[in-house]
Amino acid sequence: PFDINMALDAGFDVLIPYSNVKLDGVHGLTQDAIFSRGPNGVKRTGLFIGGRDIGLAIDMLSAAEQAMVPPFEISVFADPSGAFTTAAAGVGCVEKELKTKHNLDLKDAKALVFGGTGPVGIATGVIASLEGADTILVDHLSAETANDLAKEYNRRFKSNLKGASASSDEQKAELIADADIIFCTAKAGIQVINGKVLSHAKALKVAGDVNAVPP
């Protein structure tokens, strides 16, 4: 519903959702869309890739591009779980505050991404890292999971992510002690850092939280 509402509000006239699409189905769907409309019709046709797996979404984006035959080319956009747009907006807002309030750039900062192994967290980490921040993805249970994902997305995007875990307030307090930036990208309704933990962030310049649901 989120994606459909966004497309409607963006002005699309016809929406055709496809569920449970696998990677090997993208080529055929793309060619069905391009060859049925002709060169003029494809200019008014878009393919949106959703889902929850951002790696798979990138692979699907690539598969769609490879299926096109000029001049039969449509617009393609990937935003699984709204992760790319949410992450870009979050990093952009933090970057602005960092510059405005502290005259610093992301390349001058150490950033922690809590909820860093989810779609929004990974995308946030990749963007911040590519902008030069020393960036750590933080998982609430497993450092191994965080490190594995950091390695995977470093390979995909040539970023320089690291991984860490913090399940207790004590671990969180230790981790944030020298952080310049904290991104909170956990699920809606999850409070990642309370006031007591936040008091240990002595170097903190900017904190950004994408969670609009209390607490």
C-alpha atoms as a PDB file:
ATOM      1  CA  PRO A   1       0.000   0.000   0.000  1.00  0.00           C
ATOM      2  CA  PHE A   2       2.832   2.435   0.758  1.00  0.00           C
ATOM      3  CA  ASP A   3       4.353   2.063  -2.710  1.00  0.00           C
ATOM      4  CA  ILE A   4       0.980   2.188  -4.453  1.00  0.00           C
ATOM      5  CA  ASN A   5       0.009   5.383  -2.603  1.00  0.00           C
ATOM      6  CA  MET A   6       3.318   6.992  -3.538  1.00  0.00           C
ATOM      7  CA  ALA A   7       2.840   6.119  -7.212  1.00  0.00           C
ATOM      8  CA  LEU A   8      -0.716   7.444  -7.227  1.00  0.00           C
ATOM      9  CA  ASP A   9       0.355  10.700  -5.584  1.00  0.00           C
ATOM     10  CA  ALA A  10       3.219  11.014  -8.087  1.00  0.00           C
ATOM     11  CA  GLY A  11       0.637  11.036 -10.889  1.00  0.00           C
ATOM     12  CA  PHE A  12       0.686   7.554 -12.427  1.00  0.00           C
ATOM     13  CA  ASP A  13      -2.583   6.656 -14.163  1.00  0.00           C
ATOM     14  CA  VAL A  14      -2.367   2.862 -14.097  1.00  0.00           C
ATOM     15  CA  LEU A  15      -0.698   0.676 -11.469  1.00  0.00           C
ATOM     16  CA  ILE A  16      -0.167  -3.064 -11.894  1.00  0.00           C
ATOM     17  CA  PRO A  17       1.369  -4.735  -8.812  1.00  0.00           C
ATOM     18  CA  TYR A  18       3.250  -8.035  -9.229  1.00  0.00           C
ATOM     19  CA  SER A  19       3.937 -10.055  -6.070  1.00  0.00           C
ATOM     20  CA  ASN A  20       6.460 -12.823  -5.369  1.00  0.00           C
ATOM     21  CA  VAL A  21       8.584 -11.997  -8.401  1.00  0.00           C
ATOM     22  CA  LYS A  22      11.894 -13.873  -8.489  1.00  0.00           C
ATOM     23  CA  LEU A  23      15.108 -12.602 -10.066  1.00  0.00           C
ATOM     24  CA  ASP A  24      14.775 -14.908 -13.069  1.00  0.00           C
ATOM     25  CA  GLY A  25      11.331 -13.437 -13.834  1.00  0.00           C
ATOM     26  CA  VAL A  26      12.506  -9.838 -14.207  1.00  0.00           C
ATOM     27  CA  HIS A  27      13.861 -10.215 -17.753  1.00  0.00           C
ATOM     28  CA  GLY A  28      10.555 -11.518 -19.144  1.00  0.00           C
ATOM     29  CA  LEU A  29       8.406  -8.967 -17.300  1.00  0.00           C
ATOM     30  CA  THR A  30      10.593  -6.125 -18.531  1.00  0.00           C
ATOM     31  CA  GLN A  31      10.469  -7.231 -22.135  1.00  0.00           C
ATOM     32  CA  ASP A  32       6.703  -7.716 -21.935  1.00  0.00           C
ATOM     33  CA  ALA A  33       6.443  -4.102 -20.788  1.00  0.00           C
ATOM     34  CA  ILE A  34       8.738  -2.601 -23.416  1.00  0.00           C
ATOM     35  CA  PHE A  35       7.686  -4.460 -26.551  1.00  0.00           C
ATOM     36  CA  SER A  36       3.956  -4.068 -25.967  1.00  0.00           C
ATOM     37  CA  ARG A  37       4.047  -0.264 -26.035  1.00  0.00           C
ATOM     38  CA  GLY A  38       6.493   0.792 -28.721  1.00  0.00           C
ATOM     39  CA  PRO A  39       9.157   3.507 -28.492  1.00  0.00           C
ATOM     40  CA  ASN A  40       6.644   6.274 -27.714  1.00  0.00           C
ATOM     41  CA  GLY A  41       4.672   4.294 -25.164  1.00  0.00           C
ATOM     42  CA  VAL A  42       7.742   3.248 -23.177  1.00  0.00           C
ATOM     43  CA  LYS A  43       8.454   6.890 -22.429  1.00  0.00           C
ATOM     44  CA  ARG A  44       5.335   6.842 -20.233  1.00  0.00           C
ATOM     45  CA  THR A  45       6.110   3.470 -18.612  1.00  0.00           C
ATOM     46  CA  GLY A  46       7.957   2.864 -15.333  1.00  0.00           C
ATOM     47  CA  LEU A  47       9.074  -0.235 -13.455  1.00  0.00           C
ATOM     48  CA  PHE A  48       9.310   0.013  -9.669  1.00  0.00           C
ATOM     49  CA  ILE A  49      11.206  -2.628  -7.678  1.00  0.00           C
ATOM     50  CA  GLY A  50      10.169  -3.037  -4.046  1.00  0.00           C
ATOM     51  CA  GLY A  51      10.489  -5.986  -1.679  1.00  0.00           C
ATOM     52  CA  ARG A  52      12.623  -6.052   1.459  1.00  0.00           C
ATOM     53  CA  ASP A  53      15.997  -7.392   0.267  1.00  0.00           C
ATOM     54  CA  ILE A  54      18.109  -4.490  -0.960  1.00  0.00           C
ATOM     55  CA  GLY A  55      20.748  -6.728  -2.529  1.00  0.00           C
ATOM     56  CA  LEU A  56      18.102  -8.579  -4.524  1.00  0.00           C
ATOM     57  CA  ALA A  57      16.518  -5.260  -5.549  1.00  0.00           C
ATOM     58  CA  ILE A  58      19.844  -4.073  -6.967  1.00  0.00           C
ATOM     59  CA  ASP A  59      20.228  -7.367  -8.850  1.00  0.00           C
ATOM     60  CA  MET A  60      16.691  -6.976 -10.228  1.00  0.00           C
ATOM     61  CA  LEU A  61      17.489  -3.415 -11.303  1.00  0.00           C
ATOM     62  CA  SER A  62      20.483  -4.702 -13.222  1.00  0.00           C
ATOM     63  CA  ALA A  63      18.442  -7.534 -14.775  1.00  0.00           C
ATOM     64  CA  ALA A  64      15.780  -5.065 -15.955  1.00  0.00           C
ATOM     65  CA  GLU A  65      18.378  -2.808 -17.543  1.00  0.00           C
ATOM     66  CA  GLN A  66      19.975  -5.747 -19.349  1.00  0.00           C
ATOM     67  CA  ALA A  67      16.580  -6.808 -20.737  1.00  0.00           C
ATOM     68  CA  MET A  68      16.045  -3.528 -22.580  1.00  0.00           C
ATOM     69  CA  VAL A  69      16.733  -3.110 -26.295  1.00  0.00           C
ATOM     70  CA  PRO A  70      17.119   0.523 -27.484  1.00  0.00           C
ATOM     71  CA  PRO A  71      14.933   2.385 -28.305  1.00  0.00           C
ATOM     72  CA  PHE A  72      12.643   0.186 -26.182  1.00  0.00           C
ATOM     73  CA  GLU A  73      13.729   1.517 -22.772  1.00  0.00           C
ATOM     74  CA  ILE A  74      11.581   2.292 -19.735  1.00  0.00           C
ATOM     75  CA  SER A  75      12.355   4.059 -16.482  1.00  0.00           C
ATOM     76  CA  VAL A  76      13.351   1.737 -13.633  1.00  0.00           C
ATOM     77  CA  PHE A  77      13.531   2.633  -9.952  1.00  0.00           C
ATOM     78  CA  ALA A  78      14.402   0.442  -6.966  1.00  0.00           C
ATOM     79  CA  ASP A  79      13.438   1.349  -3.393  1.00  0.00           C
ATOM     80  CA  PRO A  80      12.927  -1.834  -1.324  1.00  0.00           C
ATOM     81  CA  SER A  81      11.124  -1.084   1.965  1.00  0.00           C
ATOM     82  CA  GLY A  82      11.581   2.596   1.125  1.00  0.00           C
ATOM     83  CA  ALA A  83      15.152   1.990   2.279  1.00  0.00           C
ATOM     84  CA  PHE A  84      17.020   3.982  -0.349  1.00  0.00           C
ATOM     85  CA  THR A  85      14.881   7.119  -0.204  1.00  0.00           C
ATOM     86  CA  THR A  86      14.578   7.026   3.606  1.00  0.00           C
ATOM     87  CA  ALA A  87      18.311   6.518   4.021  1.00  0.00           C
ATOM     88  CA  ALA A  88      19.181   9.256   1.534  1.00  0.00           C
ATOM     89  CA  ALA A  89      16.872  11.717   3.299  1.00  0.00           C
ATOM     90  CA  GLY A  90      18.241  10.757   6.721  1.00  0.00           C
ATOM     91  CA  VAL A  91      21.867  11.135   5.729  1.00  0.00           C
ATOM     92  CA  GLY A  92      21.087  14.364   3.898  1.00  0.00           C
ATOM     93  CA  CYS A  93      19.422  15.904   6.967  1.00  0.00           C
ATOM     94  CA  VAL A  94      22.260  14.840   9.262  1.00  0.00           C
ATOM     95  CA  GLU A  95      24.862  16.124   6.800  1.00  0.00           C
ATOM     96  CA  LYS A  96      23.132  19.508   6.678  1.00  0.00           C
ATOM     97  CA  GLU A  97      23.001  19.829  10.489  1.00  0.00           C
ATOM     98  CA  LEU A  98      26.610  18.715  10.818  1.00  0.00           C
ATOM     99  CA  LYS A  99      27.703  21.462   8.439  1.00  0.00           C
ATOM    100  CA  THR A 100      25.368  24.158   9.778  1.00  0.00           C
ATOM    101  CA  LYS A 101      25.939  23.605  13.503  1.00  0.00           C
ATOM    102  CA  HIS A 102      29.525  22.329  13.568  1.00  0.00           C
ATOM    103  CA  ASN A 103      31.038  23.284  10.167  1.00  0.00           C
ATOM    104  CA  LEU A 104      32.026  19.650   9.609  1.00  0.00           C
ATOM    105  CA  ASP A 105      31.598  17.281   6.680  1.00  0.00           C
ATOM    106  CA  LEU A 106      30.756  13.586   6.850  1.00  0.00           C
ATOM    107  CA  LYS A 107      34.364  12.757   5.978  1.00  0.00           C
ATOM    108  CA  ASP A 108      35.334  14.324   9.311  1.00  0.00           C
ATOM    109  CA  ALA A 109      32.964  12.161  11.349  1.00  0.00           C
ATOM    110  CA  LYS A 110      32.578   8.756  12.975  1.00  0.00           C
ATOM    111  CA  ALA A 111      29.038   7.434  12.476  1.00  0.00           C
ATOM    112  CA  LEU A 112      27.145   4.593  14.140  1.00  0.00           C
ATOM    113  CA  VAL A 113      24.061   3.071  12.530  1.00  0.00           C
ATOM    114  CA  PHE A 114      21.833   1.318  15.068  1.00  0.00           C
ATOM    115  CA  GLY A 115      19.415  -1.104  13.448  1.00  0.00           C
ATOM    116  CA  GLY A 116      22.231  -1.229  10.931  1.00  0.00           C
ATOM    117  CA  THR A 117      21.510  -4.699   9.575  1.00  0.00           C
ATOM    118  CA  GLY A 118      17.997  -3.882   8.331  1.00  0.00           C
ATOM    119  CA  PRO A 119      17.266  -2.443   4.868  1.00  0.00           C
ATOM    120  CA  VAL A 120      17.230   1.224   5.941  1.00  0.00           C
ATOM    121  CA  GLY A 121      20.258   0.736   8.188  1.00  0.00           C
ATOM    122  CA  ILE A 122      22.374  -0.878   5.487  1.00  0.00           C
ATOM    123  CA  ALA A 123      21.441   1.779   2.936  1.00  0.00           C
ATOM    124  CA  THR A 124      22.175   4.533   5.474  1.00  0.00           C
ATOM    125  CA  GLY A 125      25.549   3.005   6.225  1.00  0.00           C
ATOM    126  CA  VAL A 126      26.496   2.661   2.570  1.00  0.00           C
ATOM    127  CA  ILE A 127      25.568   6.270   1.743  1.00  0.00           C
ATOM    128  CA  ALA A 128      27.347   7.682   4.812  1.00  0.00           C
ATOM    129  CA  SER A 129      30.440   5.597   4.085  1.00  0.00           C
ATOM    130  CA  LEU A 130      30.566   6.636   0.432  1.00  0.00           C
ATOM    131  CA  GLU A 131      30.379  10.253   1.617  1.00  0.00           C
ATOM    132  CA  GLY A 132      33.507   9.625   3.689  1.00  0.00           C
ATOM    133  CA  ALA A 133      32.215   8.932   7.195  1.00  0.00           C
ATOM    134  CA  ASP A 134      33.918   6.247   9.302  1.00  0.00           C
ATOM    135  CA  THR A 135      30.752   4.128   9.536  1.00  0.00           C
ATOM    136  CA  ILE A 136      29.818   1.150  11.715  1.00  0.00           C
ATOM    137  CA  LEU A 137      26.688  -0.990  11.264  1.00  0.00           C
ATOM    138  CA  VAL A 138      25.407  -2.009  14.703  1.00  0.00           C
ATOM    139  CA  ASP A 139      23.308  -5.143  15.174  1.00  0.00           C
ATOM    140  CA  HIS A 140      21.444  -5.651  18.459  1.00  0.00           C
ATOM    141  CA  LEU A 141      22.509  -9.305  18.752  1.00  0.00           C
ATOM    142  CA  SER A 142      25.376 -10.396  16.532  1.00  0.00           C
ATOM    143  CA  ALA A 143      28.660  -8.743  15.557  1.00  0.00           C
ATOM    144  CA  GLU A 144      29.164 -11.579  13.076  1.00  0.00           C
ATOM    145  CA  THR A 145      25.944 -10.673  11.250  1.00  0.00           C
ATOM    146  CA  ALA A 146      26.940  -7.006  11.144  1.00  0.00           C
ATOM    147  CA  ASN A 147      30.438  -7.803   9.873  1.00  0.00           C
ATOM    148  CA  ASP A 148      29.141 -10.207   7.225  1.00  0.00           C
ATOM    149  CA  LEU A 149      26.713  -7.615   5.882  1.00  0.00           C
ATOM    150  CA  ALA A 150      29.385  -4.914   5.988  1.00  0.00           C
ATOM    151  CA  LYS A 151      31.655  -7.101   3.856  1.00  0.00           C
ATOM    152  CA  GLU A 152      28.845  -7.941   1.410  1.00  0.00           C
ATOM    153  CA  TYR A 153      27.848  -4.332   0.801  1.00  0.00           C
ATOM    154  CA  ASN A 154      31.435  -3.100   0.726  1.00  0.00           C
ATOM    155  CA  ARG A 155      31.890  -5.519  -2.159  1.00  0.00           C
ATOM    156  CA  ARG A 156      28.732  -4.329  -3.908  1.00  0.00           C
ATOM    157  CA  PHE A 157      29.216  -0.592  -3.517  1.00  0.00           C
ATOM    158  CA  LYS A 158      32.932  -0.078  -2.793  1.00  0.00           C
ATOM    159  CA  SER A 159      32.053   1.363   0.618  1.00  0.00           C
ATOM    160  CA  ASN A 160      34.152   0.906   3.770  1.00  0.00           C
ATOM    161  CA  LEU A 161      31.696  -0.305   6.406  1.00  0.00           C
ATOM    162  CA  LYS A 162      32.540  -2.059   9.658  1.00  0.00           C
ATOM    163  CA  GLY A 163      30.287  -4.130  11.930  1.00  0.00           C
ATOM    164  CA  ALA A 164      29.600  -4.270  15.671  1.00  0.00           C
ATOM    165  CA  SER A 165      26.942  -5.445  18.134  1.00  0.00           C
ATOM    166  CA  ALA A 166      25.370  -3.821  21.194  1.00  0.00           C
ATOM    167  CA  SER A 167      22.596  -5.620  23.059  1.00  0.00           C
ATOM    168  CA  SER A 168      22.870  -3.961  26.502  1.00  0.00           C
ATOM    169  CA  ASP A 169      22.828  -0.347  27.625  1.00  0.00           C
ATOM    170  CA  GLU A 170      26.416  -0.779  28.817  1.00  0.00           C
ATOM    171  CA  GLN A 171      27.565  -1.928  25.377  1.00  0.00           C
ATOM    172  CA  LYS A 172      25.702   0.912  23.702  1.00  0.00           C
ATOM    173  CA  ALA A 173      27.210   3.468  26.074  1.00  0.00           C
ATOM    174  CA  GLU A 174      30.706   2.200  25.363  1.00  0.00           C
ATOM    175  CA  LEU A 175      30.128   2.206  21.619  1.00  0.00           C
ATOM    176  CA  ILE A 176      28.750   5.747  21.378  1.00  0.00           C
ATOM    177  CA  ALA A 177      31.362   7.347  23.629  1.00  0.00           C
ATOM    178  CA  ASP A 178      33.433   8.700  20.713  1.00  0.00           C
ATOM    179  CA  ALA A 179      30.753   8.845  17.991  1.00  0.00           C
ATOM    180  CA  ASP A 180      30.147  12.113  16.143  1.00  0.00           C
ATOM    181  CA  ILE A 181      26.916  10.888  14.525  1.00  0.00           C
ATOM    182  CA  ILE A 182      24.276   8.385  15.588  1.00  0.00           C
ATOM    183  CA  PHE A 183      21.696   7.080  13.116  1.00  0.00           C
ATOM    184  CA  CYS A 184      18.773   5.123  14.593  1.00  0.00           C
ATOM    185  CA  THR A 185      17.139   2.994  11.893  1.00  0.00           C
ATOM    186  CA  ALA A 186      15.456   0.250  13.911  1.00  0.00           C
ATOM    187  CA  LYS A 187      11.873  -0.928  13.409  1.00  0.00           C
ATOM    188  CA  ALA A 188       8.997   1.429  14.155  1.00  0.00           C
ATOM    189  CA  GLY A 189       8.200   1.624  17.872  1.00  0.00           C
ATOM    190  CA  ILE A 190      11.651   0.472  19.013  1.00  0.00           C
ATOM    191  CA  GLN A 191      13.614   2.809  21.293  1.00  0.00           C
ATOM    192  CA  VAL A 192      17.274   2.127  20.596  1.00  0.00           C
ATOM    193  CA  ILE A 193      18.946   4.631  22.905  1.00  0.00           C
ATOM    194  CA  ASN A 194      17.502   6.072  26.115  1.00  0.00           C
ATOM    195  CA  GLY A 195      18.542   9.293  27.840  1.00  0.00           C
ATOM    196  CA  LYS A 196      20.909   7.570  30.258  1.00  0.00           C
ATOM    197  CA  VAL A 197      22.836   5.893  27.442  1.00  0.00           C
ATOM    198  CA  LEU A 198      22.858   9.080  25.388  1.00  0.00           C
ATOM    199  CA  SER A 199      24.593  10.939  28.235  1.00  0.00           C
ATOM    200  CA  HIS A 200      27.734   8.898  27.481  1.00  0.00           C
ATOM    201  CA  ALA A 201      27.992  10.295  23.936  1.00  0.00           C
ATOM    202  CA  LYS A 202      30.508  13.003  24.796  1.00  0.00           C
ATOM    203  CA  ALA A 203      31.605  13.631  21.190  1.00  0.00           C
ATOM    204  CA  LEU A 204      28.109  13.558  19.657  1.00  0.00           C
ATOM    205  CA  LYS A 205      27.328  16.278  17.109  1.00  0.00           C
ATOM    206  CA  VAL A 206      24.124  15.037  15.434  1.00  0.00           C
ATOM    207  CA  ALA A 207      21.626  12.214  16.043  1.00  0.00           C
ATOM    208  CA  GLY A 208      19.068  11.182  13.450  1.00  0.00           C
ATOM    209  CA  ASP A 209      16.107   8.843  14.003  1.00  0.00           C
ATOM    210  CA  VAL A 210      13.812   7.586  11.224  1.00  0.00           C
ATOM    211  CA  ASN A 211      11.276   6.157  13.683  1.00  0.00           C
ATOM    212  CA  ALA A 212       8.053   8.190  13.778  1.00  0.00           C
ATOM    213  CA  VAL A 213       6.258   5.742  16.092  1.00  0.00           C
ATOM    214  CA  PRO A 214       6.559   6.244  19.907  1.00  0.00           C
ATOM    215  CA  PRO A 215       8.625   5.845  21.989  1.00  0.00           C
END
